Amino acid sequence: MKLLLAIIQPTKLSAVRDALEHIGVERMTACDAQGYGRQRGQLANYRGIEYKVNMLRKICLEIWVNDDFVEPTIETILQVARSGTAGNIGDGKIFVLPTEEAFAGELRGPGAV
């Protein structure tokens, strides 16, 4: 089993979720994230005053898949989350991490009420 961390643009969340559901991916968590890479932030205006936003809003998807689903999942995210045909800086990143064990069900310890 692998854990895929996919950092994507917030506007792509619905499309990525629908595409992953279509290929049978059922284990996913979405979290708000802020960060920057080569973009180094961007300029914004508020009431006529220009200021620099250093941390850009992103969505971090945590997706658990069996080993045989890793490549189809990555390909689906790449196809749907890209802007344009070749993609652009700021579209996101995908990280693949090994997962040795996963526990499902209720997370109550001994003596919990």
N, C-alpha and C. Protein backbone atom coordinates (compact mmCIF):
# COMPACT_ATOMS: atom_id res chain seq x y z
N MET A 1 0.84 -1.17 0.00
CA MET A 1 0.00 0.00 0.00
C MET A 1 0.89 1.24 0.00
N LYS A 2 0.45 2.27 -0.70
CA LYS A 2 1.19 3.53 -0.81
C LYS A 2 0.29 4.68 -0.40
N LEU A 3 0.93 5.73 0.11
CA LEU A 3 0.26 6.98 0.40
C LEU A 3 0.73 8.00 -0.63
N LEU A 4 -0.20 8.54 -1.39
CA LEU A 4 0.12 9.59 -2.36
C LEU A 4 -0.28 10.91 -1.75
N LEU A 5 0.64 11.85 -1.70
CA LEU A 5 0.34 13.22 -1.30
C LEU A 5 0.33 14.05 -2.56
N ALA A 6 -0.82 14.56 -2.91
CA ALA A 6 -0.96 15.37 -4.12
C ALA A 6 -1.33 16.78 -3.71
N ILE A 7 -0.46 17.73 -4.04
CA ILE A 7 -0.72 19.13 -3.75
C ILE A 7 -1.21 19.76 -5.05
N ILE A 8 -2.45 20.25 -5.02
CA ILE A 8 -3.09 20.75 -6.24
C ILE A 8 -3.70 22.12 -6.01
N GLN A 9 -4.12 22.76 -7.10
CA GLN A 9 -4.83 24.02 -7.02
C GLN A 9 -6.23 23.78 -6.45
N PRO A 10 -6.73 24.69 -5.61
CA PRO A 10 -8.07 24.50 -5.03
C PRO A 10 -9.16 24.37 -6.09
N THR A 11 -9.01 25.04 -7.22
CA THR A 11 -10.03 24.99 -8.26
C THR A 11 -10.12 23.63 -8.93
N LYS A 12 -9.14 22.78 -8.74
CA LYS A 12 -9.11 21.46 -9.38
C LYS A 12 -9.64 20.34 -8.48
N LEU A 13 -9.98 20.66 -7.24
CA LEU A 13 -10.37 19.62 -6.28
C LEU A 13 -11.56 18.78 -6.75
N SER A 14 -12.64 19.41 -7.16
CA SER A 14 -13.83 18.66 -7.57
C SER A 14 -13.55 17.76 -8.76
N ALA A 15 -12.82 18.28 -9.74
CA ALA A 15 -12.52 17.48 -10.93
C ALA A 15 -11.63 16.30 -10.59
N VAL A 16 -10.63 16.51 -9.74
CA VAL A 16 -9.73 15.41 -9.35
C VAL A 16 -10.50 14.37 -8.55
N ARG A 17 -11.32 14.82 -7.59
CA ARG A 17 -12.11 13.88 -6.78
C ARG A 17 -13.03 13.03 -7.66
N ASP A 18 -13.73 13.67 -8.60
CA ASP A 18 -14.63 12.93 -9.49
C ASP A 18 -13.87 11.94 -10.37
N ALA A 19 -12.71 12.35 -10.88
CA ALA A 19 -11.91 11.47 -11.74
C ALA A 19 -11.37 10.28 -10.96
N LEU A 20 -10.95 10.50 -9.72
CA LEU A 20 -10.45 9.39 -8.90
C LEU A 20 -11.57 8.44 -8.52
N GLU A 21 -12.73 8.98 -8.24
CA GLU A 21 -13.89 8.13 -7.94
C GLU A 21 -14.24 7.27 -9.16
N HIS A 22 -14.12 7.85 -10.34
CA HIS A 22 -14.42 7.14 -11.58
C HIS A 22 -13.50 5.93 -11.80
N ILE A 23 -12.23 6.03 -11.40
CA ILE A 23 -11.31 4.90 -11.58
C ILE A 23 -11.29 3.95 -10.39
N GLY A 24 -12.11 4.24 -9.36
CA GLY A 24 -12.25 3.31 -8.24
C GLY A 24 -11.41 3.62 -7.02
N VAL A 25 -10.84 4.81 -6.93
CA VAL A 25 -10.07 5.19 -5.74
C VAL A 25 -11.06 5.62 -4.67
N GLU A 26 -10.99 4.97 -3.50
CA GLU A 26 -11.99 5.20 -2.46
C GLU A 26 -11.44 5.79 -1.17
N ARG A 27 -10.13 5.88 -1.01
CA ARG A 27 -9.55 6.36 0.24
C ARG A 27 -8.83 7.68 -0.01
N MET A 28 -9.44 8.78 0.44
CA MET A 28 -8.83 10.09 0.20
C MET A 28 -9.23 11.06 1.30
N THR A 29 -8.30 11.91 1.68
CA THR A 29 -8.55 13.00 2.60
C THR A 29 -8.06 14.27 1.93
N ALA A 30 -8.81 15.36 2.07
CA ALA A 30 -8.40 16.65 1.50
C ALA A 30 -8.19 17.65 2.64
N CYS A 31 -7.07 18.36 2.60
CA CYS A 31 -6.73 19.35 3.62
C CYS A 31 -6.33 20.65 2.94
N ASP A 32 -6.70 21.77 3.56
CA ASP A 32 -6.22 23.06 3.08
C ASP A 32 -4.74 23.18 3.42
N ALA A 33 -3.99 23.77 2.51
CA ALA A 33 -2.55 23.96 2.73
C ALA A 33 -2.15 25.31 2.18
N GLN A 34 -1.05 25.82 2.68
CA GLN A 34 -0.48 27.05 2.15
C GLN A 34 1.01 26.80 1.94
N GLY A 35 1.54 27.37 0.87
CA GLY A 35 2.96 27.19 0.61
C GLY A 35 3.38 27.97 -0.61
N TYR A 36 4.64 27.80 -0.95
CA TYR A 36 5.16 28.42 -2.17
C TYR A 36 6.32 27.58 -2.67
N GLY A 37 6.58 27.71 -3.93
CA GLY A 37 7.71 27.04 -4.56
C GLY A 37 8.40 28.05 -5.44
N ARG A 38 8.54 27.72 -6.70
CA ARG A 38 9.19 28.65 -7.63
C ARG A 38 8.37 29.91 -7.86
N GLN A 39 7.08 29.88 -7.50
CA GLN A 39 6.23 31.06 -7.70
C GLN A 39 6.65 32.21 -6.79
N ARG A 40 7.13 31.90 -5.61
CA ARG A 40 7.55 32.89 -4.62
C ARG A 40 6.44 33.87 -4.25
N GLY A 41 5.22 33.42 -4.23
CA GLY A 41 4.10 34.28 -3.88
C GLY A 41 3.56 35.05 -5.07
N GLN A 42 2.68 35.97 -4.81
CA GLN A 42 2.10 36.78 -5.88
C GLN A 42 1.64 38.11 -5.30
N LEU A 43 1.41 39.08 -6.17
CA LEU A 43 0.92 40.39 -5.74
C LEU A 43 -0.60 40.39 -5.73
N ALA A 44 -1.18 41.07 -4.73
CA ALA A 44 -2.63 41.17 -4.63
C ALA A 44 -2.99 42.61 -4.26
N ASN A 45 -4.23 42.98 -4.48
CA ASN A 45 -4.73 44.31 -4.14
C ASN A 45 -5.85 44.19 -3.12
N TYR A 46 -5.82 45.07 -2.12
CA TYR A 46 -6.91 45.16 -1.16
C TYR A 46 -7.20 46.63 -0.94
N ARG A 47 -8.38 47.06 -1.37
CA ARG A 47 -8.81 48.45 -1.26
C ARG A 47 -7.78 49.41 -1.85
N GLY A 48 -7.26 49.03 -3.01
CA GLY A 48 -6.33 49.89 -3.73
C GLY A 48 -4.89 49.83 -3.28
N ILE A 49 -4.62 49.03 -2.26
CA ILE A 49 -3.25 48.91 -1.77
C ILE A 49 -2.68 47.57 -2.23
N GLU A 50 -1.54 47.62 -2.87
CA GLU A 50 -0.91 46.40 -3.37
C GLU A 50 -0.02 45.80 -2.27
N TYR A 51 -0.13 44.51 -2.09
CA TYR A 51 0.72 43.82 -1.12
C TYR A 51 1.10 42.45 -1.68
N LYS A 52 2.15 41.85 -1.11
CA LYS A 52 2.63 40.56 -1.58
C LYS A 52 2.10 39.45 -0.69
N VAL A 53 1.55 38.43 -1.33
CA VAL A 53 1.09 37.24 -0.63
C VAL A 53 2.19 36.20 -0.79
N ASN A 54 2.85 35.86 0.32
CA ASN A 54 3.98 34.94 0.26
C ASN A 54 3.55 33.48 0.22
N MET A 55 2.47 33.17 0.90
CA MET A 55 2.00 31.79 0.96
C MET A 55 0.73 31.67 0.12
N LEU A 56 0.75 30.78 -0.86
CA LEU A 56 -0.39 30.59 -1.75
C LEU A 56 -1.23 29.41 -1.27
N ARG A 57 -2.54 29.53 -1.44
CA ARG A 57 -3.46 28.48 -1.01
C ARG A 57 -3.41 27.31 -1.98
N LYS A 58 -3.33 26.12 -1.42
CA LYS A 58 -3.35 24.86 -2.17
C LYS A 58 -4.24 23.87 -1.42
N ILE A 59 -4.47 22.73 -2.04
CA ILE A 59 -5.17 21.61 -1.40
C ILE A 59 -4.20 20.44 -1.38
N CYS A 60 -4.08 19.79 -0.23
CA CYS A 60 -3.24 18.60 -0.12
C CYS A 60 -4.16 17.39 -0.01
N LEU A 61 -4.07 16.51 -0.99
CA LEU A 61 -4.85 15.27 -0.98
C LEU A 61 -3.98 14.15 -0.44
N GLU A 62 -4.51 13.41 0.52
CA GLU A 62 -3.85 12.21 1.03
C GLU A 62 -4.64 11.03 0.50
N ILE A 63 -4.00 10.25 -0.36
CA ILE A 63 -4.71 9.17 -1.05
C ILE A 63 -3.99 7.86 -0.78
N TRP A 64 -4.70 6.91 -0.20
CA TRP A 64 -4.13 5.59 0.05
C TRP A 64 -4.59 4.63 -1.03
N VAL A 65 -3.63 3.98 -1.69
CA VAL A 65 -3.97 3.04 -2.76
C VAL A 65 -3.12 1.79 -2.64
N ASN A 66 -3.66 0.69 -3.14
CA ASN A 66 -2.87 -0.54 -3.25
C ASN A 66 -1.81 -0.33 -4.32
N ASP A 67 -0.77 -1.14 -4.27
CA ASP A 67 0.37 -0.97 -5.18
C ASP A 67 -0.04 -0.97 -6.65
N ASP A 68 -1.05 -1.78 -7.02
CA ASP A 68 -1.46 -1.83 -8.42
C ASP A 68 -2.27 -0.61 -8.85
N PHE A 69 -2.69 0.24 -7.92
CA PHE A 69 -3.44 1.45 -8.25
C PHE A 69 -2.56 2.71 -8.28
N VAL A 70 -1.28 2.58 -7.94
CA VAL A 70 -0.41 3.77 -7.86
C VAL A 70 -0.30 4.48 -9.21
N GLU A 71 0.08 3.77 -10.24
CA GLU A 71 0.28 4.41 -11.55
C GLU A 71 -1.02 4.98 -12.14
N PRO A 72 -2.14 4.24 -12.13
CA PRO A 72 -3.37 4.84 -12.65
C PRO A 72 -3.81 6.08 -11.87
N THR A 73 -3.60 6.06 -10.56
CA THR A 73 -3.97 7.21 -9.74
C THR A 73 -3.12 8.42 -10.08
N ILE A 74 -1.81 8.23 -10.20
CA ILE A 74 -0.91 9.32 -10.56
C ILE A 74 -1.26 9.88 -11.93
N GLU A 75 -1.48 9.01 -12.89
CA GLU A 75 -1.82 9.46 -14.25
C GLU A 75 -3.12 10.26 -14.26
N THR A 76 -4.11 9.81 -13.49
CA THR A 76 -5.38 10.52 -13.44
C THR A 76 -5.20 11.91 -12.84
N ILE A 77 -4.46 12.00 -11.74
CA ILE A 77 -4.23 13.31 -11.12
C ILE A 77 -3.47 14.22 -12.08
N LEU A 78 -2.45 13.69 -12.75
CA LEU A 78 -1.68 14.52 -13.69
C LEU A 78 -2.56 15.05 -14.81
N GLN A 79 -3.42 14.22 -15.35
CA GLN A 79 -4.27 14.64 -16.46
C GLN A 79 -5.29 15.70 -16.02
N VAL A 80 -5.87 15.53 -14.85
CA VAL A 80 -6.97 16.40 -14.43
C VAL A 80 -6.47 17.69 -13.76
N ALA A 81 -5.39 17.61 -13.00
CA ALA A 81 -4.93 18.76 -12.21
C ALA A 81 -4.07 19.74 -13.00
N ARG A 82 -3.58 19.33 -14.16
CA ARG A 82 -2.75 20.24 -14.96
C ARG A 82 -3.59 21.36 -15.54
N SER A 83 -2.94 22.52 -15.67
CA SER A 83 -3.58 23.62 -16.40
C SER A 83 -2.92 23.65 -17.78
N GLY A 84 -3.71 23.50 -18.80
CA GLY A 84 -3.18 23.42 -20.15
C GLY A 84 -2.69 22.02 -20.45
N THR A 85 -2.05 21.84 -21.60
CA THR A 85 -1.61 20.51 -22.01
C THR A 85 -0.30 20.09 -21.35
N ALA A 86 0.59 21.05 -21.11
CA ALA A 86 1.89 20.72 -20.53
C ALA A 86 1.98 21.06 -19.06
N GLY A 87 1.01 21.79 -18.53
CA GLY A 87 1.04 22.20 -17.14
C GLY A 87 1.85 23.48 -16.96
N ASN A 88 1.71 24.07 -15.79
CA ASN A 88 2.40 25.31 -15.47
C ASN A 88 2.98 25.25 -14.07
N ILE A 89 3.89 26.16 -13.79
CA ILE A 89 4.41 26.28 -12.44
C ILE A 89 3.24 26.60 -11.52
N GLY A 90 3.17 25.92 -10.40
CA GLY A 90 2.08 26.15 -9.45
C GLY A 90 0.94 25.16 -9.55
N ASP A 91 0.98 24.27 -10.56
CA ASP A 91 -0.07 23.26 -10.68
C ASP A 91 -0.03 22.27 -9.52
N GLY A 92 1.14 22.00 -8.98
CA GLY A 92 1.23 21.11 -7.82
C GLY A 92 2.33 20.08 -7.94
N LYS A 93 2.30 19.16 -6.99
CA LYS A 93 3.29 18.09 -6.92
C LYS A 93 2.59 16.83 -6.42
N ILE A 94 3.22 15.69 -6.69
CA ILE A 94 2.73 14.40 -6.18
C ILE A 94 3.90 13.69 -5.53
N PHE A 95 3.71 13.24 -4.30
CA PHE A 95 4.72 12.48 -3.57
C PHE A 95 4.17 11.09 -3.30
N VAL A 96 5.01 10.06 -3.42
CA VAL A 96 4.61 8.68 -3.17
C VAL A 96 5.40 8.18 -1.97
N LEU A 97 4.67 7.75 -0.93
CA LEU A 97 5.30 7.27 0.30
C LEU A 97 4.88 5.83 0.58
N PRO A 98 5.80 5.00 1.05
CA PRO A 98 5.40 3.64 1.41
C PRO A 98 4.57 3.65 2.69
N THR A 99 3.61 2.74 2.78
CA THR A 99 2.78 2.60 3.97
C THR A 99 2.89 1.14 4.42
N GLU A 100 3.48 0.97 5.60
CA GLU A 100 3.68 -0.40 6.09
C GLU A 100 2.41 -1.00 6.68
N GLU A 101 1.66 -0.18 7.44
CA GLU A 101 0.45 -0.68 8.07
C GLU A 101 -0.61 0.39 8.04
N ALA A 102 -1.86 -0.04 8.02
CA ALA A 102 -3.00 0.88 8.13
C ALA A 102 -4.05 0.21 9.01
N PHE A 103 -4.61 0.98 9.90
CA PHE A 103 -5.63 0.47 10.80
C PHE A 103 -6.93 1.21 10.51
N ALA A 104 -8.00 0.48 10.33
CA ALA A 104 -9.29 1.09 10.03
C ALA A 104 -10.27 0.78 11.14
N GLY A 105 -11.31 1.54 11.18
CA GLY A 105 -12.35 1.30 12.19
C GLY A 105 -12.29 2.34 13.29
N GLU A 106 -12.83 1.98 14.43
CA GLU A 106 -12.88 2.92 15.54
C GLU A 106 -11.50 3.01 16.19
N LEU A 107 -11.11 4.23 16.52
CA LEU A 107 -9.79 4.48 17.08
C LEU A 107 -9.89 4.73 18.58
N ARG A 108 -10.67 3.92 19.25
CA ARG A 108 -10.80 4.06 20.71
C ARG A 108 -9.85 3.11 21.38
N GLY A 109 -9.23 3.58 22.44
CA GLY A 109 -8.30 2.75 23.19
C GLY A 109 -9.00 1.93 24.24
N PRO A 110 -8.23 1.13 24.99
CA PRO A 110 -8.83 0.31 26.04
C PRO A 110 -9.48 1.19 27.10
N GLY A 111 -10.63 0.81 27.56
CA GLY A 111 -11.32 1.54 28.61
C GLY A 111 -12.07 2.77 28.13
N ALA A 112 -12.09 3.02 26.81
CA ALA A 112 -12.80 4.19 26.29
C ALA A 112 -14.30 3.98 26.40
N VAL A 113 -15.01 5.04 26.63
CA VAL A 113 -16.45 4.94 26.77
C VAL A 113 -17.15 5.28 25.49
